[in-house]
N, C-alpha and C. Protein backbone atom coordinates (compact mmCIF):
# COMPACT_ATOMS: atom_id res chain seq x y z
N UNK A 1 -11.15 10.45 14.98
CA UNK A 1 -10.02 9.96 14.36
C UNK A 1 -8.62 10.33 15.30
N UNK A 2 -7.70 9.79 14.91
CA UNK A 2 -6.42 9.97 15.61
C UNK A 2 -5.95 11.07 14.84
N UNK A 3 -4.79 11.57 15.17
CA UNK A 3 -4.41 12.75 14.00
C UNK A 3 -2.96 12.07 13.37
N UNK A 4 -2.62 11.07 14.27
CA UNK A 4 -1.51 10.16 13.33
C UNK A 4 -1.91 8.53 13.54
N UNK A 5 -1.59 7.92 12.39
CA UNK A 5 -1.71 6.46 12.57
C UNK A 5 -0.13 5.65 12.25
N UNK A 6 0.55 5.24 13.50
CA UNK A 6 1.50 4.24 13.41
C UNK A 6 1.64 3.28 13.42
N UNK A 7 2.08 2.54 12.09
CA UNK A 7 2.15 1.32 11.58
C UNK A 7 3.28 0.45 11.96
N UNK A 8 3.29 -0.97 12.61
CA UNK A 8 4.60 -1.67 12.74
C UNK A 8 4.02 -2.80 12.09
N UNK A 9 4.94 -3.41 10.94
CA UNK A 9 4.92 -4.66 10.73
C UNK A 9 5.83 -5.44 11.14
N UNK A 10 5.30 -6.34 11.83
CA UNK A 10 6.10 -7.44 12.53
C UNK A 10 6.05 -8.80 12.14
N UNK A 11 7.43 -9.26 12.36
CA UNK A 11 7.57 -10.71 11.92
C UNK A 11 8.83 -11.45 12.89
N UNK A 12 8.33 -11.98 13.84
CA UNK A 12 9.04 -13.04 14.76
C UNK A 12 9.84 -11.94 15.12
N UNK A 13 8.99 -10.95 16.13
CA UNK A 13 9.66 -9.52 16.40
C UNK A 13 9.68 -9.93 18.39
N UNK A 14 9.46 -10.94 18.81
CA UNK A 14 8.61 -10.92 20.27
C UNK A 14 9.82 -10.36 21.14
N UNK A 15 11.03 -9.91 20.59
CA UNK A 15 12.52 -9.65 21.44
C UNK A 15 12.62 -8.17 21.47
N UNK A 16 12.02 -7.59 20.29
CA UNK A 16 12.20 -5.95 20.31
C UNK A 16 10.66 -5.22 20.53
N UNK A 17 9.92 -5.87 19.87
CA UNK A 17 8.62 -5.03 19.73
C UNK A 17 7.90 -4.42 20.87
N UNK A 18 8.40 -5.10 22.18
CA UNK A 18 8.10 -4.16 23.48
C UNK A 18 8.52 -2.69 23.47
N UNK A 19 10.37 -2.44 23.26
CA UNK A 19 10.77 -1.33 23.23
C UNK A 19 10.53 -0.51 21.85
N UNK A 20 9.65 -0.62 21.08
CA UNK A 20 9.42 -0.13 19.98
C UNK A 20 7.66 0.53 20.13
N UNK A 21 6.85 -0.26 20.76
CA UNK A 21 5.61 0.47 21.03
C UNK A 21 6.20 1.08 22.45
N UNK A 22 6.86 0.75 23.45
CA UNK A 22 7.20 1.54 24.30
C UNK A 22 7.59 3.52 24.00
N UNK A 23 8.18 3.28 23.02
CA UNK A 23 9.05 4.94 22.22
C UNK A 23 7.70 5.23 21.78
N UNK A 24 7.02 4.72 21.08
CA UNK A 24 5.58 5.39 20.89
C UNK A 24 4.59 6.07 21.59
N UNK A 25 4.64 5.07 22.94
CA UNK A 25 3.74 5.59 23.76
C UNK A 25 4.30 6.81 24.79
N UNK A 26 5.73 7.06 24.83
CA UNK A 26 6.52 8.08 25.40
C UNK A 26 6.71 9.05 24.55
N UNK A 27 5.83 9.34 23.59
CA UNK A 27 5.88 10.77 22.66
C UNK A 27 5.09 11.82 23.48
N UNK A 28 5.86 13.10 22.95
CA UNK A 28 5.03 14.14 23.33
C UNK A 28 3.91 14.34 22.91
N UNK A 29 3.76 13.68 21.15
CA UNK A 29 2.31 14.07 20.88
C UNK A 29 1.45 12.61 21.10
N UNK A 30 0.29 12.59 21.56
CA UNK A 30 -0.07 11.63 22.25
C UNK A 30 -1.21 11.42 21.10
N UNK A 31 -2.17 12.23 20.30
CA UNK A 31 -2.89 11.81 19.21
C UNK A 31 -2.69 10.97 17.99
N UNK A 32 -2.64 9.53 18.63
CA UNK A 32 -2.37 8.91 17.64
C UNK A 32 -2.79 7.15 17.98
N UNK A 33 -2.80 6.51 16.95
CA UNK A 33 -3.21 4.98 17.07
C UNK A 33 -2.34 4.18 16.76
N UNK A 34 -1.71 2.67 17.51
CA UNK A 34 -0.82 1.74 16.92
C UNK A 34 -1.17 0.69 16.52
N UNK A 35 -1.14 0.55 15.20
CA UNK A 35 -1.44 -0.32 14.51
C UNK A 35 0.05 -1.80 14.23
N UNK A 36 -0.15 -3.02 15.04
CA UNK A 36 0.75 -4.00 14.77
C UNK A 36 0.32 -5.04 13.83
N UNK A 37 0.62 -5.07 12.32
CA UNK A 37 0.22 -6.17 11.67
C UNK A 37 1.34 -7.21 11.72
N UNK A 38 0.91 -8.26 12.73
CA UNK A 38 1.60 -9.73 12.55
C UNK A 38 1.77 -10.08 11.15
N UNK A 39 2.89 -10.20 10.43
CA UNK A 39 2.96 -10.85 9.34
C UNK A 39 3.59 -12.52 9.51
N UNK A 40 2.28 -13.09 10.06
CA UNK A 40 2.48 -14.60 10.29
C UNK A 40 3.92 -15.01 11.25
N UNK A 41 3.74 -14.24 12.06
CA UNK A 41 4.90 -14.70 13.30
C UNK A 41 4.59 -15.95 13.70
N UNK A 42 5.70 -16.64 14.03
CA UNK A 42 5.85 -18.26 14.65
C UNK A 42 6.55 -18.10 16.22
N UNK A 43 7.04 -16.82 16.88
CA UNK A 43 7.27 -16.72 18.14
C UNK A 43 5.94 -15.80 19.02
N UNK A 44 6.74 -15.33 20.11
CA UNK A 44 5.81 -14.83 21.20
C UNK A 44 5.55 -13.44 20.68
N UNK A 45 5.87 -12.95 19.72
CA UNK A 45 4.77 -11.42 18.94
C UNK A 45 3.66 -11.12 19.68
N UNK A 46 2.72 -12.08 19.49
CA UNK A 46 1.23 -11.44 19.50
C UNK A 46 1.03 -11.57 21.36
N UNK A 47 1.80 -12.36 22.04
CA UNK A 47 1.77 -12.56 23.52
C UNK A 47 2.54 -11.12 23.73
N UNK A 48 3.92 -11.22 23.59
CA UNK A 48 4.23 -9.48 24.18
C UNK A 48 3.62 -8.31 23.94
N UNK A 49 2.36 -8.20 22.97
CA UNK A 49 1.59 -7.17 22.94
C UNK A 49 0.47 -7.08 23.67
N UNK A 50 0.44 -8.39 24.51
CA UNK A 50 -0.97 -8.56 25.30
C UNK A 50 -0.89 -7.29 26.43
N UNK A 51 0.49 -6.78 27.04
CA UNK A 51 0.41 -5.78 28.14
C UNK A 51 0.16 -4.12 27.58
N UNK A 52 0.18 -4.20 26.09
CA UNK A 52 -0.35 -2.93 25.63
C UNK A 52 -1.62 -2.98 24.97
N UNK A 53 -2.60 -2.88 25.77
CA UNK A 53 -4.21 -2.97 25.51
C UNK A 53 -4.51 -1.84 24.24
N UNK A 54 -3.82 -0.74 24.35
CA UNK A 54 -3.93 0.18 23.54
C UNK A 54 -3.44 -0.37 21.66
N UNK A 55 -2.55 -1.03 22.04
CA UNK A 55 -2.20 -1.27 20.72
C UNK A 55 -3.33 -2.19 19.87
N UNK A 56 -3.68 -1.93 18.52
CA UNK A 56 -4.51 -2.97 17.74
C UNK A 56 -3.61 -3.88 17.22
N UNK A 57 -3.86 -5.08 17.16
CA UNK A 57 -3.27 -6.31 16.52
C UNK A 57 -3.86 -6.74 15.64
N UNK A 58 -3.18 -6.94 14.14
CA UNK A 58 -4.08 -8.08 13.31
C UNK A 58 -3.06 -8.53 12.90
N UNK A 59 -3.45 -9.92 12.64
CA UNK A 59 -2.52 -11.07 12.05
C UNK A 59 -2.85 -11.31 10.41
N UNK A 60 -2.04 -11.54 9.79
CA UNK A 60 -1.96 -12.02 8.42
C UNK A 60 -1.40 -13.28 8.03
N UNK A 61 -1.45 -13.90 6.99
CA UNK A 61 -0.34 -14.95 6.72
C UNK A 61 0.81 -14.25 6.41
N UNK A 62 2.11 -14.79 6.62
CA UNK A 62 3.24 -14.48 5.98
C UNK A 62 3.05 -13.83 4.48
N UNK A 63 3.34 -12.52 4.18
CA UNK A 63 3.15 -12.08 3.28
C UNK A 63 4.27 -10.97 2.62
N UNK A 64 5.56 -10.90 3.29
CA UNK A 64 6.38 -9.83 3.17
C UNK A 64 5.82 -8.17 3.69
N UNK A 65 6.96 -7.59 3.94
CA UNK A 65 7.05 -6.30 4.52
C UNK A 65 6.00 -5.24 4.07
N UNK A 66 5.92 -5.32 2.63
CA UNK A 66 5.44 -4.56 2.08
C UNK A 66 3.54 -4.83 1.72
N UNK A 67 3.17 -5.80 2.17
CA UNK A 67 1.81 -6.36 2.35
C UNK A 67 1.88 -5.99 3.75
N UNK A 68 2.36 -6.23 4.47
CA UNK A 68 2.06 -5.79 6.01
C UNK A 68 2.06 -4.26 6.08
N UNK A 69 3.15 -3.73 5.45
CA UNK A 69 2.51 -2.15 5.67
C UNK A 69 1.23 -1.82 5.02
N UNK A 70 0.98 -2.31 3.76
CA UNK A 70 -0.34 -1.96 3.37
C UNK A 70 -1.52 -2.35 4.09
N UNK A 71 -1.23 -3.46 4.33
CA UNK A 71 -2.75 -3.88 5.63
C UNK A 71 -2.72 -2.72 6.71
N UNK A 72 -1.58 -2.13 7.15
CA UNK A 72 -1.80 -1.41 8.07
C UNK A 72 -2.14 0.30 7.78
N UNK A 73 -1.92 0.49 6.51
CA UNK A 73 -2.41 1.51 5.88
C UNK A 73 -4.07 1.62 5.77
N UNK A 74 -4.39 0.14 5.36
CA UNK A 74 -5.74 0.30 4.52
C UNK A 74 -6.55 0.49 5.98
N UNK A 75 -6.17 -0.14 7.29
CA UNK A 75 -6.97 0.44 8.70
C UNK A 75 -7.03 1.68 9.00
N UNK A 76 -5.91 2.31 8.87
CA UNK A 76 -5.39 3.31 9.66
C UNK A 76 -6.48 4.47 9.55
N UNK A 77 -6.96 5.21 10.23
CA UNK A 77 -7.62 6.39 10.53
C UNK A 77 -7.64 7.55 10.25
N UNK A 78 -5.77 7.58 10.74
CA UNK A 78 -5.31 9.12 10.68
C UNK A 78 -4.98 9.57 9.33
N UNK A 79 -5.11 10.96 9.02
CA UNK A 79 -4.37 11.28 7.74
C UNK A 79 -2.98 11.59 7.75
N UNK A 80 -2.40 11.06 8.75
CA UNK A 80 -0.57 11.18 8.71
C UNK A 80 -0.46 9.76 9.01
N UNK A 81 0.60 9.37 8.16
CA UNK A 81 1.18 7.72 8.63
C UNK A 81 2.39 7.72 8.41
N UNK A 82 2.86 6.95 9.87
CA UNK A 82 4.25 6.74 10.05
C UNK A 82 4.20 5.14 10.49
N UNK A 83 5.87 5.07 10.01
CA UNK A 83 6.15 3.41 10.21
C UNK A 83 7.16 3.36 10.88
N UNK A 84 7.19 2.29 11.99
CA UNK A 84 8.47 1.97 12.97
C UNK A 84 8.83 0.27 12.81
N UNK A 85 9.70 0.20 12.55
CA UNK A 85 10.20 -1.57 12.02
C UNK A 85 10.16 -1.96 13.50
N UNK A 86 9.90 -2.88 13.89
CA UNK A 86 9.42 -3.81 14.86
C UNK A 86 10.64 -3.52 15.76
N UNK A 87 11.93 -3.77 15.20
CA UNK A 87 13.33 -3.77 16.09
C UNK A 87 13.51 -2.49 16.43
N UNK A 88 13.22 -1.51 16.39
CA UNK A 88 13.73 -0.08 16.27
C UNK A 88 13.13 0.78 17.50
N UNK A 89 13.62 2.00 17.35
CA UNK A 89 12.84 2.80 18.49
C UNK A 89 12.71 4.31 17.90
N UNK A 90 11.90 5.36 18.72
CA UNK A 90 11.86 6.88 18.18
C UNK A 90 12.08 7.50 19.61
N UNK A 91 13.06 8.75 19.15
CA UNK A 91 13.13 9.23 19.90
C UNK A 91 11.81 10.53 20.58
N UNK A 92 11.64 10.61 21.63
CA UNK A 92 10.13 11.19 22.31
C UNK A 92 9.94 12.31 21.45
N UNK A 93 10.76 13.00 21.04
CA UNK A 93 9.92 14.53 20.38
C UNK A 93 10.12 14.15 18.59
N UNK A 94 10.04 12.94 18.09
CA UNK A 94 9.81 12.66 16.90
C UNK A 94 8.90 13.27 16.46
N UNK A 95 7.60 12.68 16.24
CA UNK A 95 6.45 13.02 15.95
C UNK A 95 6.18 14.85 16.06
N UNK A 96 6.59 15.31 17.31
CA UNK A 96 6.15 16.92 17.76
C UNK A 96 7.01 17.65 16.44
N UNK A 97 8.52 16.90 16.32
CA UNK A 97 9.00 18.25 15.63
C UNK A 97 8.64 17.82 14.24
N UNK A 98 8.00 16.63 13.42
CA UNK A 98 7.70 16.56 12.24
C UNK A 98 6.36 17.26 11.97
N UNK A 99 5.69 16.94 12.80
CA UNK A 99 4.19 17.67 12.67
C UNK A 99 4.50 19.57 12.94
N UNK A 100 5.07 20.19 13.43
CA UNK A 100 5.20 21.20 13.39
C UNK A 100 5.81 21.42 12.17
N UNK A 101 6.82 21.14 11.32
CA UNK A 101 7.37 21.00 10.44
C UNK A 101 6.12 21.04 9.30
N UNK A 102 5.34 20.16 9.35
CA UNK A 102 4.24 19.97 8.31
C UNK A 102 3.23 20.77 8.41
N UNK A 103 2.90 21.85 9.64
CA UNK A 103 2.21 22.62 9.68
C UNK A 103 2.48 24.14 9.11
N UNK A 104 3.87 24.30 9.86
CA UNK A 104 4.59 25.03 8.70
C UNK A 104 4.52 25.25 7.38
N UNK A 105 4.52 24.52 6.67
CA UNK A 105 5.08 23.73 5.54
C UNK A 105 3.81 22.92 4.75
N UNK A 106 2.49 23.61 4.78
CA UNK A 106 1.54 22.69 4.11
C UNK A 106 1.96 22.11 2.46
N UNK A 107 2.85 23.00 1.85
CA UNK A 107 2.92 22.19 0.97
C UNK A 107 3.99 20.96 0.76
N UNK A 108 4.45 20.80 1.95
CA UNK A 108 5.16 19.48 1.87
C UNK A 108 4.69 18.38 2.47
N UNK A 109 4.48 16.98 1.98
CA UNK A 109 3.55 15.86 2.38
C UNK A 109 4.51 14.73 2.89
N UNK A 110 5.66 14.84 3.03
CA UNK A 110 6.78 14.02 3.80
C UNK A 110 7.77 14.32 4.47
N UNK A 111 7.77 14.41 5.61
CA UNK A 111 9.21 14.72 6.21
C UNK A 111 9.83 13.68 6.74
N UNK A 112 11.12 13.47 6.50
CA UNK A 112 11.59 12.38 7.19
C UNK A 112 12.62 13.19 8.33
N UNK A 113 13.31 12.62 8.86
CA UNK A 113 14.80 12.19 9.96
C UNK A 113 15.87 11.97 9.62
N UNK A 114 17.08 12.10 10.16
CA UNK A 114 18.10 11.17 10.33
C UNK A 114 17.81 10.45 11.10
N UNK A 115 18.90 9.69 11.31
CA UNK A 115 18.70 8.16 12.08
C UNK A 115 19.98 8.19 12.74
N UNK A 116 20.06 7.29 13.93
CA UNK A 116 21.53 6.63 14.67
C UNK A 116 21.25 5.32 14.45
N UNK A 117 22.36 4.45 14.26
CA UNK A 117 21.89 2.95 14.43
C UNK A 117 22.86 2.53 15.43
N UNK A 118 22.25 1.74 16.40
CA UNK A 118 22.66 0.89 17.30
C UNK A 118 22.70 -0.35 17.65
N UNK A 119 23.51 -1.01 18.66
CA UNK A 119 23.03 -2.29 18.46
C UNK A 119 23.02 -2.69 20.37
N UNK A 120 22.55 -3.95 20.50
CA UNK A 120 22.80 -4.39 21.96
C UNK A 120 23.82 -5.73 21.79
N UNK A 121 24.59 -6.03 20.65
CA UNK A 121 25.50 -7.00 20.72
C UNK A 121 26.80 -6.42 21.40
N UNK A 122 27.55 -7.20 22.09
CA UNK A 122 28.96 -7.25 22.49
C UNK A 122 29.48 -7.00 21.19
N UNK A 123 30.47 -5.96 21.30
CA UNK A 123 31.49 -5.59 20.32
C UNK A 123 32.13 -6.75 19.75
N UNK A 124 32.77 -7.65 20.37
CA UNK A 124 33.31 -8.86 20.22
C UNK A 124 32.42 -9.83 19.17
N UNK A 125 31.13 -9.90 19.48
CA UNK A 125 30.58 -10.72 18.28
C UNK A 125 30.27 -10.06 17.23
N UNK A 126 30.45 -8.45 17.05
CA UNK A 126 30.21 -7.93 15.50
C UNK A 126 30.71 -8.48 14.46
N UNK A 127 30.54 -8.75 13.51
CA UNK A 127 30.61 -9.12 11.93
C UNK A 127 31.34 -7.29 11.55
N UNK A 128 31.94 -7.73 10.36
CA UNK A 128 32.91 -6.49 9.60
C UNK A 128 31.34 -5.95 9.42
N UNK A 129 30.31 -6.56 8.60
CA UNK A 129 29.21 -5.95 7.86
C UNK A 129 28.61 -5.08 9.20
N UNK A 130 28.22 -5.75 10.40
CA UNK A 130 27.69 -4.98 11.53
C UNK A 130 28.11 -3.54 11.74
N UNK A 131 29.61 -3.91 12.04
CA UNK A 131 30.59 -2.67 12.15
C UNK A 131 30.26 -1.53 11.33
N UNK A 132 30.15 -1.85 10.19
CA UNK A 132 30.41 -1.18 9.04
C UNK A 132 28.68 -0.20 8.91
N UNK A 133 27.74 -1.25 9.07
CA UNK A 133 26.50 -0.78 9.32
C UNK A 133 26.40 0.32 10.54
N UNK A 134 27.09 -0.20 11.41
CA UNK A 134 26.77 1.07 12.25
C UNK A 134 27.27 2.27 12.13
N UNK A 135 28.15 2.46 11.60
CA UNK A 135 28.88 3.89 10.60
C UNK A 135 28.20 4.20 10.08
N UNK A 136 27.23 3.86 9.17
CA UNK A 136 26.80 4.08 7.96
C UNK A 136 25.44 4.99 8.14
N UNK A 137 24.96 5.84 7.13
CA UNK A 137 23.61 6.67 7.38
C UNK A 137 22.80 7.05 5.73
N UNK A 138 22.35 6.53 5.46
CA UNK A 138 21.85 6.43 4.06
C UNK A 138 21.03 7.82 4.08
N UNK A 139 21.06 8.45 2.47
CA UNK A 139 20.40 9.59 2.38
C UNK A 139 19.28 9.78 2.93
N UNK A 140 18.05 9.07 2.65
CA UNK A 140 16.73 8.92 3.10
C UNK A 140 16.26 7.65 3.29
N UNK A 141 15.58 7.49 4.55
CA UNK A 141 15.44 6.46 5.43
C UNK A 141 13.80 6.19 5.41
N UNK A 142 13.00 5.57 4.66
CA UNK A 142 11.91 5.85 4.21
C UNK A 142 11.01 5.57 5.77
N UNK A 143 11.54 4.50 6.28
CA UNK A 143 10.82 4.43 7.92
C UNK A 143 11.30 5.68 8.80
N UNK A 144 11.75 6.56 8.64
CA UNK A 144 11.93 7.65 9.77
C UNK A 144 10.68 8.72 9.62
N UNK A 145 9.88 8.56 8.53
CA UNK A 145 9.10 9.57 7.85
C UNK A 145 7.88 9.61 8.42
N UNK A 146 7.20 10.85 8.13
CA UNK A 146 6.00 11.05 8.80
C UNK A 146 4.97 11.91 7.55
N UNK A 147 4.12 10.91 6.83
CA UNK A 147 3.55 10.81 5.50
C UNK A 147 2.04 11.41 5.50
N UNK A 148 1.64 12.20 4.53
CA UNK A 148 0.65 12.32 4.28
C UNK A 148 -0.19 11.52 3.64
N UNK A 149 -1.30 10.81 4.15
CA UNK A 149 -1.99 9.94 3.46
C UNK A 149 -2.41 10.27 1.94
N UNK A 150 -2.71 11.40 1.41
CA UNK A 150 -3.08 11.56 -0.02
C UNK A 150 -1.70 11.29 -0.91
N UNK A 151 -0.22 11.22 -0.20
CA UNK A 151 0.63 10.46 -1.50
C UNK A 151 0.31 8.74 -1.51
N UNK A 152 -0.37 8.37 -0.67
CA UNK A 152 -0.47 6.84 -1.14
C UNK A 152 -1.74 6.87 -1.83
N UNK A 153 -2.91 7.74 -1.31
CA UNK A 153 -3.86 7.69 -2.41
C UNK A 153 -3.60 8.40 -3.91
N UNK A 154 -2.56 9.03 -4.09
CA UNK A 154 -2.27 9.63 -5.38
C UNK A 154 -1.30 8.43 -6.01
N UNK A 155 -0.58 7.86 -5.58
CA UNK A 155 0.58 6.89 -5.92
C UNK A 155 0.72 5.54 -5.67
N UNK A 156 -0.26 5.08 -4.85
CA UNK A 156 -0.58 3.75 -4.62
C UNK A 156 0.41 3.54 -3.56
N UNK A 157 0.29 2.19 -3.09
CA UNK A 157 0.61 1.60 -1.77
C UNK A 157 2.12 1.09 -2.23
N UNK A 158 2.65 0.54 -1.27
CA UNK A 158 3.96 -0.57 -1.36
C UNK A 158 3.56 -1.45 -2.22
N UNK A 159 4.88 -2.11 -3.19
CA UNK A 159 4.35 -2.89 -4.25
C UNK A 159 4.78 -4.31 -3.25
N UNK A 160 3.91 -5.02 -3.23
CA UNK A 160 3.95 -6.59 -2.56
C UNK A 160 5.19 -7.52 -3.57
N UNK A 161 4.99 -7.42 -4.87
CA UNK A 161 6.10 -8.11 -5.48
C UNK A 161 7.69 -7.96 -4.94
N UNK A 162 8.02 -6.98 -4.25
CA UNK A 162 9.24 -6.35 -3.73
C UNK A 162 9.94 -7.05 -2.89
N UNK A 163 10.62 -7.93 -2.75
CA UNK A 163 11.06 -8.58 -1.32
C UNK A 163 11.30 -7.45 -0.45
N UNK A 164 12.52 -6.52 -1.37
CA UNK A 164 12.98 -5.67 -0.21
C UNK A 164 13.06 -4.47 -0.94
N UNK A 165 13.75 -3.45 -0.75
CA UNK A 165 13.54 -2.20 -1.77
C UNK A 165 12.61 -1.74 -1.97
N UNK A 166 11.17 -1.87 -1.24
CA UNK A 166 9.82 -1.72 -1.50
C UNK A 166 9.74 0.14 -1.02
N UNK A 167 10.33 0.31 -0.29
CA UNK A 167 10.09 1.91 0.04
C UNK A 167 11.12 2.37 -0.72
N UNK A 168 12.11 2.19 -1.07
CA UNK A 168 12.89 2.83 -2.28
C UNK A 168 12.11 3.29 -3.42
N UNK A 169 11.47 1.91 -4.09
CA UNK A 169 10.87 1.90 -5.17
C UNK A 169 9.40 2.98 -4.92
N UNK A 170 8.76 3.02 -4.00
CA UNK A 170 7.71 3.90 -3.63
C UNK A 170 8.31 5.03 -3.54
N UNK A 171 9.45 5.94 -2.73
CA UNK A 171 9.82 7.21 -2.91
C UNK A 171 10.14 7.62 -4.36
N UNK A 172 10.44 6.74 -5.06
CA UNK A 172 10.79 6.95 -6.45
C UNK A 172 9.49 7.60 -7.47
N UNK A 173 8.49 7.05 -6.91
CA UNK A 173 7.31 7.27 -7.50
C UNK A 173 6.68 8.95 -7.01
N UNK A 174 7.08 8.76 -6.10
CA UNK A 174 6.93 10.19 -5.20
C UNK A 174 7.78 11.04 -6.25
N UNK A 175 8.96 10.60 -6.43
CA UNK A 175 10.19 12.11 -6.78
C UNK A 175 9.49 12.51 -8.42
N UNK A 176 9.22 11.04 -8.76
CA UNK A 176 8.99 11.50 -10.15
C UNK A 176 7.44 12.23 -10.48
N UNK A 177 6.65 12.16 -9.39
CA UNK A 177 5.28 13.23 -9.51
C UNK A 177 5.42 14.35 -8.92
N UNK A 178 5.91 14.52 -7.86
CA UNK A 178 6.08 15.28 -6.86
C UNK A 178 7.71 15.52 -6.23
N UNK A 179 8.84 16.01 -6.75
CA UNK A 179 9.46 16.14 -6.27
C UNK A 179 10.04 16.76 -5.26
N UNK A 180 8.86 18.10 -5.14
CA UNK A 180 9.45 18.77 -3.82
C UNK A 180 8.47 18.54 -2.50
N UNK A 181 7.92 17.29 -2.78
CA UNK A 181 7.14 16.93 -1.59
C UNK A 181 7.71 16.37 -0.41
N UNK A 182 9.08 15.97 -0.70
CA UNK A 182 9.93 15.55 0.66
C UNK A 182 10.75 16.71 1.27
N UNK A 183 10.69 16.80 2.44
CA UNK A 183 11.63 17.24 3.00
C UNK A 183 12.53 16.57 4.30
N UNK A 184 13.94 16.92 4.42
CA UNK A 184 14.12 15.76 5.91
C UNK A 184 14.72 16.32 6.88
N UNK A 185 14.33 16.61 8.37
CA UNK A 185 14.92 17.29 9.38
C UNK A 185 16.42 16.82 9.41
N UNK A 186 17.31 17.86 10.07
CA UNK A 186 18.46 17.66 10.24
C UNK A 186 18.55 17.36 11.65
N UNK A 187 17.37 16.66 12.44
CA UNK A 187 17.44 15.91 13.61
C UNK A 187 17.60 14.53 13.77
N UNK A 188 18.49 13.98 14.72
CA UNK A 188 18.27 12.49 15.03
C UNK A 188 17.11 11.91 15.99
N UNK A 189 15.89 11.41 15.02
CA UNK A 189 15.05 11.25 16.08
C UNK A 189 14.40 9.79 15.61
N UNK A 190 15.25 8.94 15.04
CA UNK A 190 15.10 7.55 14.89
C UNK A 190 15.90 6.66 15.19
N UNK A 191 15.78 5.53 15.90
CA UNK A 191 16.94 4.91 16.44
C UNK A 191 16.82 3.30 15.68
N UNK A 192 17.80 2.70 14.82
CA UNK A 192 18.01 1.95 14.22
C UNK A 192 18.62 0.75 14.45
N UNK A 193 17.94 -0.56 15.27
CA UNK A 193 18.93 -1.45 15.66
C UNK A 193 19.62 -2.20 14.75
N UNK A 194 20.62 -2.47 15.08
CA UNK A 194 21.31 -3.67 13.92
C UNK A 194 21.77 -4.78 15.23
N UNK A 195 21.16 -5.84 14.59
CA UNK A 195 21.13 -7.35 15.39
C UNK A 195 21.77 -8.47 13.73
N UNK A 196 21.21 -9.46 14.12
CA UNK A 196 21.37 -10.47 13.45
C UNK A 196 20.82 -10.78 12.42
N UNK A 197 19.38 -10.31 12.40
CA UNK A 197 18.63 -10.63 11.52
C UNK A 197 18.10 -9.50 10.45
N UNK A 198 19.07 -8.57 10.21
CA UNK A 198 18.60 -7.30 9.41
C UNK A 198 18.91 -7.84 8.38
N UNK A 199 17.60 -7.36 7.41
CA UNK A 199 17.98 -7.58 6.07
C UNK A 199 18.85 -6.52 5.50
N UNK A 200 18.95 -5.39 6.27
CA UNK A 200 19.63 -4.14 5.72
C UNK A 200 21.39 -4.85 5.80
N UNK A 201 21.82 -6.02 6.69
CA UNK A 201 23.10 -6.49 6.47
C UNK A 201 23.23 -7.25 5.01
N UNK A 202 22.21 -6.95 3.92
CA UNK A 202 22.69 -7.87 2.49
C UNK A 202 21.92 -6.80 1.71
N UNK A 203 21.08 -5.72 2.03
CA UNK A 203 20.33 -5.04 0.84
C UNK A 203 20.71 -3.55 1.17
N UNK A 204 21.31 -3.01 2.02
CA UNK A 204 21.25 -1.83 2.65
C UNK A 204 22.17 -0.90 1.36
N UNK A 205 22.58 -1.40 0.71
CA UNK A 205 23.28 -0.38 -0.28
C UNK A 205 22.74 -1.31 -1.82
N UNK A 206 22.10 0.29 -2.34
CA UNK A 206 21.26 -0.12 -3.10
C UNK A 206 22.17 0.53 -4.45
N UNK A 207 23.00 -0.21 -5.28
CA UNK A 207 23.90 -0.11 -6.76
C UNK A 207 23.05 0.64 -7.63
N UNK A 208 23.56 1.25 -8.52
CA UNK A 208 23.14 2.02 -9.82
C UNK A 208 22.33 0.55 -10.88
N UNK A 209 22.72 -0.38 -10.68
CA UNK A 209 22.04 -1.86 -11.58
C UNK A 209 21.14 -1.94 -10.95
N UNK A 210 20.86 -1.69 -9.65
CA UNK A 210 19.59 -2.33 -8.75
C UNK A 210 18.51 -0.71 -9.18
N UNK A 211 19.19 0.35 -9.06
CA UNK A 211 18.19 1.35 -9.26
C UNK A 211 17.43 1.70 -10.66
N UNK A 212 18.12 1.05 -11.48
CA UNK A 212 17.57 0.95 -12.65
C UNK A 212 15.95 0.11 -13.04
N UNK A 213 15.75 -0.96 -12.46
CA UNK A 213 14.90 -1.61 -12.33
C UNK A 213 13.57 -1.12 -11.57
N UNK A 214 14.49 -0.41 -10.50
CA UNK A 214 13.38 0.10 -9.68
C UNK A 214 12.54 1.15 -10.58
N UNK A 215 13.41 2.18 -10.93
CA UNK A 215 13.02 3.41 -11.78
C UNK A 215 11.92 2.69 -12.48
N UNK A 216 12.01 1.61 -13.39
CA UNK A 216 11.10 1.08 -14.28
C UNK A 216 9.71 0.69 -13.57
N UNK A 217 10.20 0.10 -12.35
CA UNK A 217 8.96 -0.49 -11.97
C UNK A 217 7.97 0.41 -11.31
N UNK A 218 8.60 1.39 -10.64
CA UNK A 218 8.01 2.69 -9.95
C UNK A 218 6.74 3.51 -11.30
N UNK A 219 7.80 3.54 -12.64
CA UNK A 219 7.05 4.14 -13.59
C UNK A 219 5.01 3.14 -14.42
N UNK A 220 6.13 2.04 -13.98
CA UNK A 220 4.92 1.37 -14.00
C UNK A 220 3.76 1.09 -13.26
N UNK A 221 4.28 1.56 -11.92
CA UNK A 221 3.09 1.51 -10.93
C UNK A 221 2.50 2.84 -11.05
N UNK A 222 2.66 3.69 -11.50
CA UNK A 222 2.42 4.86 -11.58
C UNK A 222 1.42 5.09 -12.69
N UNK A 223 1.69 4.44 -13.39
CA UNK A 223 0.68 4.24 -15.04
C UNK A 223 -0.48 3.15 -14.44
N UNK A 224 -0.26 2.09 -13.60
CA UNK A 224 -1.46 1.66 -13.00
C UNK A 224 -1.96 2.64 -12.42
N UNK A 225 -1.67 3.31 -11.30
CA UNK A 225 -2.37 4.27 -10.45
C UNK A 225 -3.47 5.28 -11.37
N UNK A 226 -2.59 5.80 -12.48
CA UNK A 226 -3.14 6.73 -12.99
C UNK A 226 -4.21 6.34 -14.26
N UNK A 227 -4.74 5.05 -14.53
CA UNK A 227 -5.47 4.26 -14.79
C UNK A 227 -6.53 4.20 -14.27
N UNK A 228 -6.66 4.16 -12.91
CA UNK A 228 -7.49 3.69 -12.22
C UNK A 228 -8.62 5.14 -12.20
């Protein structure tokens, strides 16, 4: 069984997913599996992955990022789970440093990292929103995390009814039950690509008004898990 299962949800990601996979294969730590969940892509995403025979490709009808991640988790063989958005990249020592931290701190169940935004777009074509996003870093970006499977076993998977902020809602569940479970490294180990189709262009900032229903949803989902 692999030490780490790396899950990539992909929807029409042919332009970038090759770089995402290459950044995983370049990791200093290599006891891993890569699972790509093709969320009903209509471009050449699957064809792009043919040059990576070590990648496990699973196709599902278009269902959204939460369902795609959940599918990957259900297929994962590792006790540690990591995610990569199909348009992003890892630094080569990402898993190595995160694993070292978890080995030294067995009481922690999830370790995040810092990240940098980047773009391939020419500067003159960038919108105001894209320029602002390039210079912004949120406190916790779930996709940077390395997560012990026990958190999903205890608090459930991502909520597929949420079109976005499904990762924020899931982290709220963990905060409510295990507030000391997470730690964030002060290393820039994740690279988030800014382009013309980022969902973060419209949903990166979560207001207080948006957080209230997410907390309510998190409590509801926790109660459902605790009744199982």
